[in-house]
Amino acid sequence: MKRIVFILIFWCFISCEKRSTIIDDDVLDKLSKAKYEMPSIYGQESLFVSVKNFEIIKTNADFLNYLYELKFKKAYKSFKEFLDAVLNHKIEIDKNDFKNVYYEVFILSDKITKEYEKGFNIFYTKYTEELNLKNKKIVLKKTKLNKDEFLTIQYYFYLNGYQIQEDDYNGFYYVVDRETLFK
């Protein structure tokens, strides 16, 4: 009986541990080894960082590399270690650290959070649509939302293994599976 309880506790610990990883080690490795000459290969990928006061910052790998070089290089052994800490929300950064770095700051929308809590599949269906192109790309639906609501939607996709790629030319926000993108 004790053995079964131990196995259940161990299994629960392992499964809880896996859920806390937003960006896996392979993606962190690729992000950390990229050449960060503006713009880099990953400069268009939206990344989200927790900051104090329950705010979230949307930025990208180029700016996180700049921030690391400027303020965090002494505190972390490597850029990969820094990325793991900030992208997997192990630490909160002070918004003032982003003073010279482009970012968008927002607070999670209660309205969107309630919709997300109904389940990600329902959430995904509500906020995406397929374009009528040969390659059937998935995009975020164009709806009337305020900034916090729209960024909250992007954030929940990020938490569930998707990257949102902004197309300034066509005005679409493509939804791309992170594993596919970083192959």
C-alpha atoms as a PDB file:
ATOM      1  CA  MET A   1       0.000   0.000   0.000  1.00  0.00           C
ATOM      2  CA  LYS A   2       2.798   2.410   0.884  1.00  0.00           C
ATOM      3  CA  ARG A   3       4.401   1.648  -2.455  1.00  0.00           C
ATOM      4  CA  ILE A   4       1.235   2.589  -4.344  1.00  0.00           C
ATOM      5  CA  VAL A   5       0.922   5.862  -2.423  1.00  0.00           C
ATOM      6  CA  PHE A   6       4.582   6.643  -3.136  1.00  0.00           C
ATOM      7  CA  ILE A   7       4.116   5.920  -6.866  1.00  0.00           C
ATOM      8  CA  LEU A   8       1.011   8.121  -6.994  1.00  0.00           C
ATOM      9  CA  ILE A   9       2.783  10.994  -5.235  1.00  0.00           C
ATOM     10  CA  PHE A  10       5.812  10.619  -7.519  1.00  0.00           C
ATOM     11  CA  TRP A  11       3.595  10.512 -10.631  1.00  0.00           C
ATOM     12  CA  CYS A  12       1.709  13.617  -9.488  1.00  0.00           C
ATOM     13  CA  PHE A  13       4.986  15.440  -8.854  1.00  0.00           C
ATOM     14  CA  ILE A  14       6.335  14.540 -12.299  1.00  0.00           C
ATOM     15  CA  SER A  15       3.118  15.451 -14.120  1.00  0.00           C
ATOM     16  CA  CYS A  16       2.853  18.787 -12.281  1.00  0.00           C
ATOM     17  CA  GLU A  17       6.479  19.504 -13.099  1.00  0.00           C
ATOM     18  CA  LYS A  18       5.897  18.957 -16.836  1.00  0.00           C
ATOM     19  CA  ARG A  19       2.952  21.360 -16.913  1.00  0.00           C
ATOM     20  CA  SER A  20       5.075  24.201 -15.577  1.00  0.00           C
ATOM     21  CA  THR A  21       7.336  24.139 -18.639  1.00  0.00           C
ATOM     22  CA  ILE A  22       6.100  26.534 -21.279  1.00  0.00           C
ATOM     23  CA  ILE A  23       9.151  26.527 -23.534  1.00  0.00           C
ATOM     24  CA  ASP A  24      10.933  23.176 -23.675  1.00  0.00           C
ATOM     25  CA  ASP A  25      14.678  22.638 -23.590  1.00  0.00           C
ATOM     26  CA  ASP A  26      15.048  22.093 -27.367  1.00  0.00           C
ATOM     27  CA  VAL A  27      13.409  25.433 -28.168  1.00  0.00           C
ATOM     28  CA  LEU A  28      15.421  27.194 -25.458  1.00  0.00           C
ATOM     29  CA  ASP A  29      18.562  25.701 -26.988  1.00  0.00           C
ATOM     30  CA  LYS A  30      17.687  27.022 -30.460  1.00  0.00           C
ATOM     31  CA  LEU A  31      16.752  30.454 -29.141  1.00  0.00           C
ATOM     32  CA  SER A  32      19.954  30.700 -27.124  1.00  0.00           C
ATOM     33  CA  LYS A  33      22.242  29.695 -30.007  1.00  0.00           C
ATOM     34  CA  ALA A  34      20.789  32.039 -32.622  1.00  0.00           C
ATOM     35  CA  LYS A  35      22.855  34.874 -34.027  1.00  0.00           C
ATOM     36  CA  TYR A  36      21.422  38.049 -32.565  1.00  0.00           C
ATOM     37  CA  GLU A  37      22.155  40.554 -35.257  1.00  0.00           C
ATOM     38  CA  MET A  38      18.981  42.541 -35.829  1.00  0.00           C
ATOM     39  CA  PRO A  39      16.780  41.122 -37.103  1.00  0.00           C
ATOM     40  CA  SER A  40      17.553  37.591 -36.029  1.00  0.00           C
ATOM     41  CA  ILE A  41      15.921  34.418 -37.251  1.00  0.00           C
ATOM     42  CA  TYR A  42      13.638  34.451 -34.181  1.00  0.00           C
ATOM     43  CA  GLY A  43      13.011  38.185 -34.034  1.00  0.00           C
ATOM     44  CA  GLN A  44       9.398  37.791 -35.176  1.00  0.00           C
ATOM     45  CA  GLU A  45       8.454  35.242 -32.526  1.00  0.00           C
ATOM     46  CA  SER A  46       6.352  36.654 -29.699  1.00  0.00           C
ATOM     47  CA  LEU A  47       7.582  35.686 -26.252  1.00  0.00           C
ATOM     48  CA  PHE A  48       5.942  36.484 -22.933  1.00  0.00           C
ATOM     49  CA  VAL A  49       7.637  37.433 -19.674  1.00  0.00           C
ATOM     50  CA  SER A  50       6.054  37.866 -16.229  1.00  0.00           C
ATOM     51  CA  VAL A  51       6.665  41.170 -14.507  1.00  0.00           C
ATOM     52  CA  LYS A  52       5.722  42.425 -11.078  1.00  0.00           C
ATOM     53  CA  ASN A  53       2.193  43.652 -10.321  1.00  0.00           C
ATOM     54  CA  PHE A  54       0.548  40.798 -12.277  1.00  0.00           C
ATOM     55  CA  GLU A  55       1.552  42.288 -15.603  1.00  0.00           C
ATOM     56  CA  ILE A  56       2.910  40.424 -18.611  1.00  0.00           C
ATOM     57  CA  ILE A  57       5.283  41.721 -21.238  1.00  0.00           C
ATOM     58  CA  LYS A  58       5.165  40.651 -24.855  1.00  0.00           C
ATOM     59  CA  THR A  59       8.591  40.906 -26.462  1.00  0.00           C
ATOM     60  CA  ASN A  60      10.866  38.779 -28.664  1.00  0.00           C
ATOM     61  CA  ALA A  61      14.176  36.912 -28.543  1.00  0.00           C
ATOM     62  CA  ASP A  62      16.156  39.826 -30.034  1.00  0.00           C
ATOM     63  CA  PHE A  63      15.154  42.131 -27.212  1.00  0.00           C
ATOM     64  CA  LEU A  64      15.584  39.460 -24.552  1.00  0.00           C
ATOM     65  CA  ASN A  65      19.126  38.887 -25.821  1.00  0.00           C
ATOM     66  CA  TYR A  66      19.810  42.625 -25.610  1.00  0.00           C
ATOM     67  CA  LEU A  67      18.346  42.719 -22.088  1.00  0.00           C
ATOM     68  CA  TYR A  68      20.453  39.725 -21.058  1.00  0.00           C
ATOM     69  CA  GLU A  69      23.652  41.323 -22.349  1.00  0.00           C
ATOM     70  CA  LEU A  70      22.794  44.654 -20.730  1.00  0.00           C
ATOM     71  CA  LYS A  71      21.467  43.640 -17.303  1.00  0.00           C
ATOM     72  CA  PHE A  72      21.460  39.906 -16.599  1.00  0.00           C
ATOM     73  CA  LYS A  73      24.703  38.423 -17.927  1.00  0.00           C
ATOM     74  CA  LYS A  74      26.365  38.412 -14.504  1.00  0.00           C
ATOM     75  CA  ALA A  75      23.364  36.816 -12.784  1.00  0.00           C
ATOM     76  CA  TYR A  76      23.031  33.870 -15.200  1.00  0.00           C
ATOM     77  CA  LYS A  77      25.684  31.473 -16.489  1.00  0.00           C
ATOM     78  CA  SER A  78      24.264  31.541 -20.013  1.00  0.00           C
ATOM     79  CA  PHE A  79      21.631  33.121 -22.211  1.00  0.00           C
ATOM     80  CA  LYS A  80      19.817  29.776 -22.247  1.00  0.00           C
ATOM     81  CA  GLU A  81      19.590  29.763 -18.441  1.00  0.00           C
ATOM     82  CA  PHE A  82      18.206  33.314 -18.524  1.00  0.00           C
ATOM     83  CA  LEU A  83      15.653  32.364 -21.207  1.00  0.00           C
ATOM     84  CA  ASP A  84      14.542  29.362 -19.167  1.00  0.00           C
ATOM     85  CA  ALA A  85      13.984  31.576 -16.127  1.00  0.00           C
ATOM     86  CA  VAL A  86      12.023  34.317 -17.892  1.00  0.00           C
ATOM     87  CA  LEU A  87      10.125  32.341 -20.543  1.00  0.00           C
ATOM     88  CA  ASN A  88       9.021  29.604 -18.168  1.00  0.00           C
ATOM     89  CA  HIS A  89       7.969  32.242 -15.624  1.00  0.00           C
ATOM     90  CA  LYS A  90      10.377  31.094 -12.926  1.00  0.00           C
ATOM     91  CA  ILE A  91      11.174  34.737 -12.183  1.00  0.00           C
ATOM     92  CA  GLU A  92       9.422  38.058 -12.529  1.00  0.00           C
ATOM     93  CA  ILE A  93      11.336  40.911 -14.078  1.00  0.00           C
ATOM     94  CA  ASP A  94      10.916  44.532 -13.123  1.00  0.00           C
ATOM     95  CA  LYS A  95       9.252  46.500 -15.912  1.00  0.00           C
ATOM     96  CA  ASN A  96      11.962  49.161 -15.522  1.00  0.00           C
ATOM     97  CA  ASP A  97      14.492  46.634 -16.842  1.00  0.00           C
ATOM     98  CA  PHE A  98      12.757  46.986 -20.218  1.00  0.00           C
ATOM     99  CA  LYS A  99      13.270  50.748 -20.312  1.00  0.00           C
ATOM    100  CA  ASN A 100      15.406  50.692 -23.497  1.00  0.00           C
ATOM    101  CA  VAL A 101      13.765  47.623 -25.040  1.00  0.00           C
ATOM    102  CA  TYR A 102      10.610  47.430 -27.160  1.00  0.00           C
ATOM    103  CA  TYR A 103       7.765  45.640 -25.431  1.00  0.00           C
ATOM    104  CA  GLU A 104       4.021  45.623 -24.914  1.00  0.00           C
ATOM    105  CA  VAL A 105       2.736  45.343 -21.371  1.00  0.00           C
ATOM    106  CA  PHE A 106      -0.711  44.091 -20.438  1.00  0.00           C
ATOM    107  CA  ILE A 107      -2.819  42.570 -17.687  1.00  0.00           C
ATOM    108  CA  LEU A 108      -4.741  39.369 -18.336  1.00  0.00           C
ATOM    109  CA  SER A 109      -8.327  40.087 -19.312  1.00  0.00           C
ATOM    110  CA  ASP A 110     -10.839  38.531 -16.905  1.00  0.00           C
ATOM    111  CA  LYS A 111     -13.311  38.060 -19.767  1.00  0.00           C
ATOM    112  CA  ILE A 112     -10.823  36.137 -21.938  1.00  0.00           C
ATOM    113  CA  THR A 113      -9.514  34.168 -18.943  1.00  0.00           C
ATOM    114  CA  LYS A 114     -13.045  32.916 -18.173  1.00  0.00           C
ATOM    115  CA  GLU A 115     -13.376  31.735 -21.776  1.00  0.00           C
ATOM    116  CA  TYR A 116      -9.982  30.024 -21.601  1.00  0.00           C
ATOM    117  CA  GLU A 117     -10.949  28.215 -18.397  1.00  0.00           C
ATOM    118  CA  LYS A 118     -13.748  26.428 -20.302  1.00  0.00           C
ATOM    119  CA  GLY A 119     -11.030  24.450 -22.064  1.00  0.00           C
ATOM    120  CA  PHE A 120      -8.363  25.162 -24.636  1.00  0.00           C
ATOM    121  CA  ASN A 121     -10.097  23.274 -27.478  1.00  0.00           C
ATOM    122  CA  ILE A 122     -13.178  25.487 -27.149  1.00  0.00           C
ATOM    123  CA  PHE A 123     -10.937  28.548 -26.841  1.00  0.00           C
ATOM    124  CA  TYR A 124      -8.912  27.529 -29.929  1.00  0.00           C
ATOM    125  CA  THR A 125     -12.061  27.038 -32.017  1.00  0.00           C
ATOM    126  CA  LYS A 126     -13.558  30.349 -30.913  1.00  0.00           C
ATOM    127  CA  TYR A 127     -10.500  32.460 -31.741  1.00  0.00           C
ATOM    128  CA  THR A 128      -9.040  30.837 -34.868  1.00  0.00           C
ATOM    129  CA  GLU A 129     -10.059  30.353 -38.460  1.00  0.00           C
ATOM    130  CA  GLU A 130      -8.541  28.697 -41.504  1.00  0.00           C
ATOM    131  CA  LEU A 131      -7.504  30.856 -44.448  1.00  0.00           C
ATOM    132  CA  ASN A 132      -8.525  29.754 -47.928  1.00  0.00           C
ATOM    133  CA  LEU A 133      -4.989  29.284 -49.119  1.00  0.00           C
ATOM    134  CA  LYS A 134      -3.258  26.222 -50.579  1.00  0.00           C
ATOM    135  CA  ASN A 135      -1.426  25.526 -47.329  1.00  0.00           C
ATOM    136  CA  LYS A 136      -4.481  26.136 -45.091  1.00  0.00           C
ATOM    137  CA  LYS A 137      -2.869  28.450 -42.567  1.00  0.00           C
ATOM    138  CA  ILE A 138      -4.568  29.059 -39.234  1.00  0.00           C
ATOM    139  CA  VAL A 139      -4.992  32.672 -38.118  1.00  0.00           C
ATOM    140  CA  LEU A 140      -6.531  34.483 -35.179  1.00  0.00           C
ATOM    141  CA  LYS A 141     -10.034  35.680 -36.003  1.00  0.00           C
ATOM    142  CA  LYS A 142     -10.424  39.388 -36.453  1.00  0.00           C
ATOM    143  CA  THR A 143     -12.804  40.517 -33.749  1.00  0.00           C
ATOM    144  CA  LYS A 144     -13.321  43.753 -31.887  1.00  0.00           C
ATOM    145  CA  LEU A 145     -11.179  43.442 -28.789  1.00  0.00           C
ATOM    146  CA  ASN A 146      -9.223  45.873 -26.713  1.00  0.00           C
ATOM    147  CA  LYS A 147      -5.441  45.562 -26.438  1.00  0.00           C
ATOM    148  CA  ASP A 148      -5.435  43.580 -23.171  1.00  0.00           C
ATOM    149  CA  GLU A 149      -8.018  41.128 -24.524  1.00  0.00           C
ATOM    150  CA  PHE A 150      -6.116  40.540 -27.760  1.00  0.00           C
ATOM    151  CA  LEU A 151      -2.766  40.095 -26.001  1.00  0.00           C
ATOM    152  CA  THR A 152      -4.402  37.778 -23.456  1.00  0.00           C
ATOM    153  CA  ILE A 153      -5.583  35.546 -26.319  1.00  0.00           C
ATOM    154  CA  GLN A 154      -2.052  35.474 -27.735  1.00  0.00           C
ATOM    155  CA  TYR A 155      -0.658  34.662 -24.283  1.00  0.00           C
ATOM    156  CA  TYR A 156      -2.968  31.674 -23.783  1.00  0.00           C
ATOM    157  CA  PHE A 157      -1.956  30.303 -27.179  1.00  0.00           C
ATOM    158  CA  TYR A 158       1.681  30.759 -26.117  1.00  0.00           C
ATOM    159  CA  LEU A 159       1.040  28.817 -22.895  1.00  0.00           C
ATOM    160  CA  ASN A 160      -0.415  25.971 -24.960  1.00  0.00           C
ATOM    161  CA  GLY A 161       2.503  25.519 -27.347  1.00  0.00           C
ATOM    162  CA  TYR A 162       1.683  27.963 -30.139  1.00  0.00           C
ATOM    163  CA  GLN A 163       3.510  30.970 -31.499  1.00  0.00           C
ATOM    164  CA  ILE A 164       1.624  33.889 -32.997  1.00  0.00           C
ATOM    165  CA  GLN A 165       3.385  35.319 -36.047  1.00  0.00           C
ATOM    166  CA  GLU A 166       2.354  38.813 -37.039  1.00  0.00           C
ATOM    167  CA  ASP A 167       2.102  39.576 -40.750  1.00  0.00           C
ATOM    168  CA  ASP A 168       2.310  43.356 -41.064  1.00  0.00           C
ATOM    169  CA  TYR A 169       1.769  43.200 -44.811  1.00  0.00           C
ATOM    170  CA  ASN A 170      -1.514  41.242 -44.834  1.00  0.00           C
ATOM    171  CA  GLY A 171      -2.640  42.064 -41.316  1.00  0.00           C
ATOM    172  CA  PHE A 172      -2.944  38.452 -40.173  1.00  0.00           C
ATOM    173  CA  TYR A 173      -1.817  36.827 -36.956  1.00  0.00           C
ATOM    174  CA  TYR A 174      -0.776  33.286 -37.889  1.00  0.00           C
ATOM    175  CA  VAL A 175      -1.114  30.530 -35.287  1.00  0.00           C
ATOM    176  CA  VAL A 176       1.840  28.137 -35.595  1.00  0.00           C
ATOM    177  CA  ASP A 177       2.558  25.060 -33.509  1.00  0.00           C
ATOM    178  CA  ARG A 178       5.806  25.764 -31.624  1.00  0.00           C
ATOM    179  CA  GLU A 179       7.247  22.279 -32.197  1.00  0.00           C
ATOM    180  CA  THR A 180       6.705  22.590 -35.958  1.00  0.00           C
ATOM    181  CA  LEU A 181       8.183  26.068 -36.033  1.00  0.00           C
ATOM    182  CA  PHE A 182      11.372  25.200 -34.156  1.00  0.00           C
ATOM    183  CA  LYS A 183      12.157  21.894 -35.943  1.00  0.00           C
END
